[in-house]
């Protein structure tokens, strides 16, 4: 009998929606963290362009390049065996026409070993998503709050609080599902809208700041672990304070080195 671990795929996610079983997703950006979150039981790892803030020190996701995303996605793939790994299409890569978007999306599968890609945007992106899916690329959509459009939006805000905006986001999600997206991320929308879209869509919805009724949930790893300390988004919950633990541990190391207590006999060779 083979001891190879079976990867989670699109059909598994669809079966979970049909069975009412929630899908657990999280972001990760390197091999070691990918190993840890997979061992903890995560189903899907998104190598989000949020790496711009969590790993590279940018204020937004806009400066993140294709090379950044490919490098981090490849690292996560090397750290996983079971979880589905999805790479995030960075700013502008989907807006230069379906063929160029297809070429860039293919790099995630061919060069980084990803199991799929994520595309921001609704009805305007449906044709591009359809072209990718026709070529055999699994695509996860993303509607509601779009981080790559934050400059045009003038900042972050909850979407879908008016009837017209809620209807537009609902139509966006429908268009992506019809185009062949295997799942749709709902970010920063009211819980009522999250519930409405989840009930209507034949594919799973993955919420982040979209209430408790989505088929699954995704959060930024650094928010969950307390590693990103600039602010705590309302939609997240801290399950650890690793930022505090890291400062304390490194502070103790600094004290022992300066006091000549480290390295000691146990850490030395004869």
Protein backbone atom coordinates (compact mmCIF):
# COMPACT_ATOMS: atom_id res chain seq x y z
CA UNK A 1 0.00 0.00 0.00
CA UNK A 2 1.33 3.44 -0.91
CA UNK A 3 2.11 5.79 1.96
CA UNK A 4 1.63 8.85 -0.24
CA UNK A 5 -0.68 11.44 1.32
CA UNK A 6 -3.67 12.35 -0.84
CA UNK A 7 -3.96 16.02 -1.69
CA UNK A 8 -7.16 17.92 -1.01
CA UNK A 9 -8.67 19.10 -4.29
CA UNK A 10 -11.61 20.91 -5.83
CA UNK A 11 -13.95 17.91 -5.53
CA UNK A 12 -13.19 17.58 -1.83
CA UNK A 13 -14.20 21.21 -1.24
CA UNK A 14 -17.41 20.76 -3.22
CA UNK A 15 -18.26 17.60 -1.27
CA UNK A 16 -17.78 19.49 1.98
CA UNK A 17 -20.19 22.22 0.90
CA UNK A 18 -22.76 19.59 -0.06
CA UNK A 19 -22.33 17.84 3.30
CA UNK A 20 -22.42 21.08 5.30
CA UNK A 21 -18.85 20.60 6.50
CA UNK A 22 -16.90 23.82 6.92
CA UNK A 23 -13.66 24.45 5.04
CA UNK A 24 -10.69 25.79 7.00
CA UNK A 25 -8.22 28.01 5.13
CA UNK A 26 -5.35 30.25 6.20
CA UNK A 27 -2.58 32.22 4.55
CA UNK A 28 1.05 31.13 4.77
CA UNK A 29 4.18 32.37 3.04
CA UNK A 30 7.05 29.96 3.80
CA UNK A 31 7.75 26.25 4.02
CA UNK A 32 8.05 25.98 7.80
CA UNK A 33 4.77 27.75 8.55
CA UNK A 34 3.11 25.72 5.80
CA UNK A 35 4.20 22.49 7.53
CA UNK A 36 2.82 23.72 10.85
CA UNK A 37 -0.58 24.86 9.60
CA UNK A 38 -1.02 21.69 7.54
CA UNK A 39 -0.16 19.54 10.57
CA UNK A 40 -2.77 21.50 12.53
CA UNK A 41 -5.44 20.41 10.06
CA UNK A 42 -5.90 23.31 7.62
CA UNK A 43 -7.57 22.31 4.34
CA UNK A 44 -6.42 25.12 2.05
CA UNK A 45 -3.41 27.45 2.19
CA UNK A 46 -3.58 30.72 0.29
CA UNK A 47 -0.25 32.34 -0.48
CA UNK A 48 -1.88 35.73 -0.42
CA UNK A 49 -0.49 38.98 -1.74
CA UNK A 50 -0.93 40.00 1.90
CA UNK A 51 2.71 38.87 2.01
CA UNK A 52 3.38 42.47 1.04
CA UNK A 53 2.44 43.59 4.55
CA UNK A 54 3.24 40.48 6.59
CA UNK A 55 6.60 39.59 5.03
CA UNK A 56 7.90 42.51 2.97
CA UNK A 57 6.91 45.54 5.02
CA UNK A 58 4.70 47.30 2.46
CA UNK A 59 1.65 49.32 3.49
CA UNK A 60 -0.61 47.69 0.87
CA UNK A 61 -0.58 44.71 -1.50
CA UNK A 62 -0.02 46.93 -4.56
CA UNK A 63 3.83 46.69 -4.73
CA UNK A 64 3.83 42.87 -4.61
CA UNK A 65 5.25 41.40 -7.83
CA UNK A 66 4.66 38.17 -9.68
CA UNK A 67 8.15 37.04 -8.71
CA UNK A 68 7.35 37.67 -5.02
CA UNK A 69 4.21 35.54 -5.26
CA UNK A 70 5.88 32.73 -7.17
CA UNK A 71 8.82 32.54 -4.76
CA UNK A 72 6.62 32.36 -1.66
CA UNK A 73 4.15 29.98 -3.29
CA UNK A 74 6.95 27.58 -4.24
CA UNK A 75 8.18 27.66 -0.64
CA UNK A 76 4.73 26.81 0.70
CA UNK A 77 4.35 23.98 -1.81
CA UNK A 78 7.64 22.51 -0.61
CA UNK A 79 6.28 22.55 2.94
CA UNK A 80 2.99 20.78 2.21
CA UNK A 81 1.74 17.31 1.28
CA UNK A 82 -2.01 17.33 1.90
CA UNK A 83 -3.39 20.88 1.93
CA UNK A 84 -4.51 22.57 -1.28
CA UNK A 85 -2.17 25.47 -2.13
CA UNK A 86 -3.53 28.48 -4.00
CA UNK A 87 -1.38 31.33 -5.29
CA UNK A 88 -2.68 34.91 -5.37
CA UNK A 89 -2.58 36.71 -8.71
CA UNK A 90 -0.91 40.05 -7.82
CA UNK A 91 -1.92 43.57 -8.83
CA UNK A 92 -2.51 44.17 -12.55
CA UNK A 93 -1.69 40.63 -13.72
CA UNK A 94 -5.36 39.98 -14.56
CA UNK A 95 -6.06 43.34 -16.22
CA UNK A 96 -3.93 43.11 -19.36
CA UNK A 97 -6.26 40.76 -21.18
CA UNK A 98 -7.33 37.13 -20.72
CA UNK A 99 -4.37 35.68 -22.62
CA UNK A 100 -1.77 37.54 -20.57
CA UNK A 101 -3.64 36.61 -17.37
CA UNK A 102 -3.68 32.98 -18.51
CA UNK A 103 0.08 33.04 -19.14
CA UNK A 104 0.76 34.46 -15.69
CA UNK A 105 -1.64 32.06 -13.96
CA UNK A 106 0.02 29.11 -15.64
CA UNK A 107 3.32 30.10 -14.01
CA UNK A 108 1.83 29.35 -10.58
CA UNK A 109 1.16 25.76 -11.62
CA UNK A 110 4.27 25.20 -13.76
CA UNK A 111 6.94 27.09 -11.82
CA UNK A 112 5.64 27.12 -8.23
CA UNK A 113 3.67 23.87 -8.15
CA UNK A 114 0.45 25.49 -6.92
CA UNK A 115 -2.91 23.72 -7.10
CA UNK A 116 -4.77 26.82 -8.28
CA UNK A 117 -4.87 30.62 -8.34
CA UNK A 118 -7.01 33.34 -6.79
CA UNK A 119 -8.35 36.24 -8.85
CA UNK A 120 -9.80 39.48 -7.44
CA UNK A 121 -12.84 40.97 -9.14
CA UNK A 122 -16.36 39.98 -10.14
CA UNK A 123 -18.25 40.35 -13.41
CA UNK A 124 -15.38 42.21 -15.06
CA UNK A 125 -13.10 39.23 -14.41
CA UNK A 126 -15.58 36.51 -15.43
CA UNK A 127 -14.23 36.21 -18.97
CA UNK A 128 -10.67 35.93 -17.71
CA UNK A 129 -11.67 33.31 -15.14
CA UNK A 130 -13.50 31.33 -17.83
CA UNK A 131 -10.40 31.38 -20.06
CA UNK A 132 -8.21 30.07 -17.21
CA UNK A 133 -10.66 27.33 -16.29
CA UNK A 134 -10.95 26.24 -19.93
CA UNK A 135 -7.16 25.86 -19.95
CA UNK A 136 -7.28 23.60 -16.88
CA UNK A 137 -6.35 26.09 -14.17
CA UNK A 138 -8.45 25.90 -10.97
CA UNK A 139 -9.53 29.43 -10.05
CA UNK A 140 -10.81 30.79 -6.74
CA UNK A 141 -12.69 34.07 -7.11
CA UNK A 142 -12.71 37.02 -4.73
CA UNK A 143 -15.48 39.63 -4.34
CA UNK A 144 -16.52 42.30 -1.86
CA UNK A 145 -13.61 44.21 -0.40
CA UNK A 146 -10.77 43.97 -2.93
CA UNK A 147 -7.38 44.81 -1.37
CA UNK A 148 -5.85 45.49 -4.78
CA UNK A 149 -8.44 48.26 -5.32
CA UNK A 150 -7.90 49.89 -1.93
CA UNK A 151 -6.28 53.01 -3.41
CA UNK A 152 -9.19 53.57 -5.79
CA UNK A 153 -11.63 52.90 -2.95
CA UNK A 154 -9.88 55.39 -0.68
CA UNK A 155 -9.36 52.85 2.10
CA UNK A 156 -10.85 49.76 3.67
CA UNK A 157 -14.58 49.55 4.42
CA UNK A 158 -17.40 47.03 4.77
CA UNK A 159 -19.20 46.38 1.47
CA UNK A 160 -22.83 45.50 0.79
CA UNK A 161 -24.51 47.80 3.29
CA UNK A 162 -26.74 49.34 0.63
CA UNK A 163 -29.19 47.31 -1.45
CA UNK A 164 -27.58 48.34 -4.74
CA UNK A 165 -24.07 47.45 -3.62
CA UNK A 166 -25.23 44.14 -2.13
CA UNK A 167 -26.97 43.25 -5.41
CA UNK A 168 -23.83 44.11 -7.39
CA UNK A 169 -21.63 41.90 -5.20
CA UNK A 170 -24.20 39.11 -5.41
CA UNK A 171 -24.08 39.37 -9.21
CA UNK A 172 -20.27 39.37 -9.09
CA UNK A 173 -20.23 36.10 -7.13
CA UNK A 174 -22.77 34.51 -9.48
CA UNK A 175 -20.73 35.54 -12.52
CA UNK A 176 -17.57 33.93 -11.12
CA UNK A 177 -19.36 30.68 -10.29
CA UNK A 178 -20.87 30.58 -13.77
CA UNK A 179 -17.41 31.19 -15.25
CA UNK A 180 -16.14 28.06 -13.50
CA UNK A 181 -14.52 29.32 -10.30
CA UNK A 182 -14.25 26.41 -7.84
CA UNK A 183 -14.86 28.70 -4.83
CA UNK A 184 -15.40 32.38 -4.09
CA UNK A 185 -13.80 34.40 -1.29
CA UNK A 186 -16.19 36.91 0.29
CA UNK A 187 -14.22 39.63 2.02
CA UNK A 188 -15.48 42.51 4.13
CA UNK A 189 -19.20 42.14 3.45
CA UNK A 190 -22.20 42.11 5.77
CA UNK A 191 -23.14 38.77 7.26
CA UNK A 192 -26.57 39.02 5.64
CA UNK A 193 -24.95 39.26 2.21
CA UNK A 194 -22.56 36.43 3.05
CA UNK A 195 -25.50 34.23 3.96
CA UNK A 196 -27.41 35.15 0.81
CA UNK A 197 -24.51 34.41 -1.54
CA UNK A 198 -23.64 31.15 0.24
CA UNK A 199 -27.20 29.90 -0.08
CA UNK A 200 -27.31 30.72 -3.80
CA UNK A 201 -23.89 29.67 -5.08
CA UNK A 202 -23.30 26.05 -6.15
CA UNK A 203 -19.62 26.37 -5.18
CA UNK A 204 -18.15 26.99 -1.71
CA UNK A 205 -17.87 30.48 -0.27
CA UNK A 206 -14.82 31.25 1.86
CA UNK A 207 -15.38 34.17 4.20
CA UNK A 208 -13.07 36.73 5.73
CA UNK A 209 -15.03 39.39 7.51
CA UNK A 210 -18.20 37.99 5.94
CA UNK A 211 -20.00 36.54 8.95
CA UNK A 212 -20.57 32.98 10.20
CA UNK A 213 -22.70 31.61 7.35
CA UNK A 214 -20.05 31.01 4.66
CA UNK A 215 -19.00 27.48 3.72
CA UNK A 216 -15.50 28.14 5.01
CA UNK A 217 -13.26 30.72 6.62
CA UNK A 218 -9.85 32.15 5.77
CA UNK A 219 -7.69 34.39 7.93
CA UNK A 220 -4.23 35.91 7.67
CA UNK A 221 -1.84 33.72 9.65
CA UNK A 222 -0.02 36.65 11.24
CA UNK A 223 -3.31 38.03 12.58
CA UNK A 224 -4.25 34.69 14.17
CA UNK A 225 -0.84 34.30 15.83
CA UNK A 226 -0.38 37.88 17.02
CA UNK A 227 2.64 38.42 14.77
CA UNK A 228 1.20 41.45 12.98
CA UNK A 229 0.84 44.08 15.68
CA UNK A 230 0.11 47.33 13.82
CA UNK A 231 -3.63 46.77 14.25
CA UNK A 232 -6.12 43.96 14.88
CA UNK A 233 -8.89 43.73 12.23
CA UNK A 234 -12.40 43.34 13.61
CA UNK A 235 -12.92 40.15 11.59
CA UNK A 236 -10.01 38.29 13.16
CA UNK A 237 -9.36 36.62 16.51
CA UNK A 238 -5.95 36.22 18.09
CA UNK A 239 -5.26 32.66 19.16
CA UNK A 240 -1.72 33.45 20.36
CA UNK A 241 0.55 36.42 21.08
CA UNK A 242 3.70 35.24 19.34
CA UNK A 243 4.93 38.77 18.78
CA UNK A 244 5.21 39.21 22.54
CA UNK A 245 6.81 35.76 22.94
CA UNK A 246 9.40 36.51 20.25
CA UNK A 247 10.40 39.81 21.84
CA UNK A 248 10.73 38.16 25.24
CA UNK A 249 12.79 35.25 23.88
CA UNK A 250 15.19 37.44 21.89
CA UNK A 251 15.42 39.87 24.79
CA UNK A 252 16.51 37.02 27.07
CA UNK A 253 19.08 35.94 24.46
CA UNK A 254 20.47 39.48 24.26
CA UNK A 255 20.76 39.67 28.06
CA UNK A 256 22.59 36.34 28.33
CA UNK A 257 25.06 37.12 25.54
CA UNK A 258 25.92 40.51 27.03
CA UNK A 259 26.25 39.01 30.53
CA UNK A 260 28.49 36.21 29.14
CA UNK A 261 26.03 33.53 30.26
CA UNK A 262 25.54 32.26 26.71
CA UNK A 263 27.08 30.24 25.24
CA UNK A 264 27.90 28.12 28.24
CA UNK A 265 29.55 24.77 28.77
CA UNK A 266 26.57 22.87 27.33
CA UNK A 267 26.77 24.79 24.05
CA UNK A 268 30.58 24.55 23.71
CA UNK A 269 32.90 21.93 22.22
CA UNK A 270 36.20 20.48 23.42
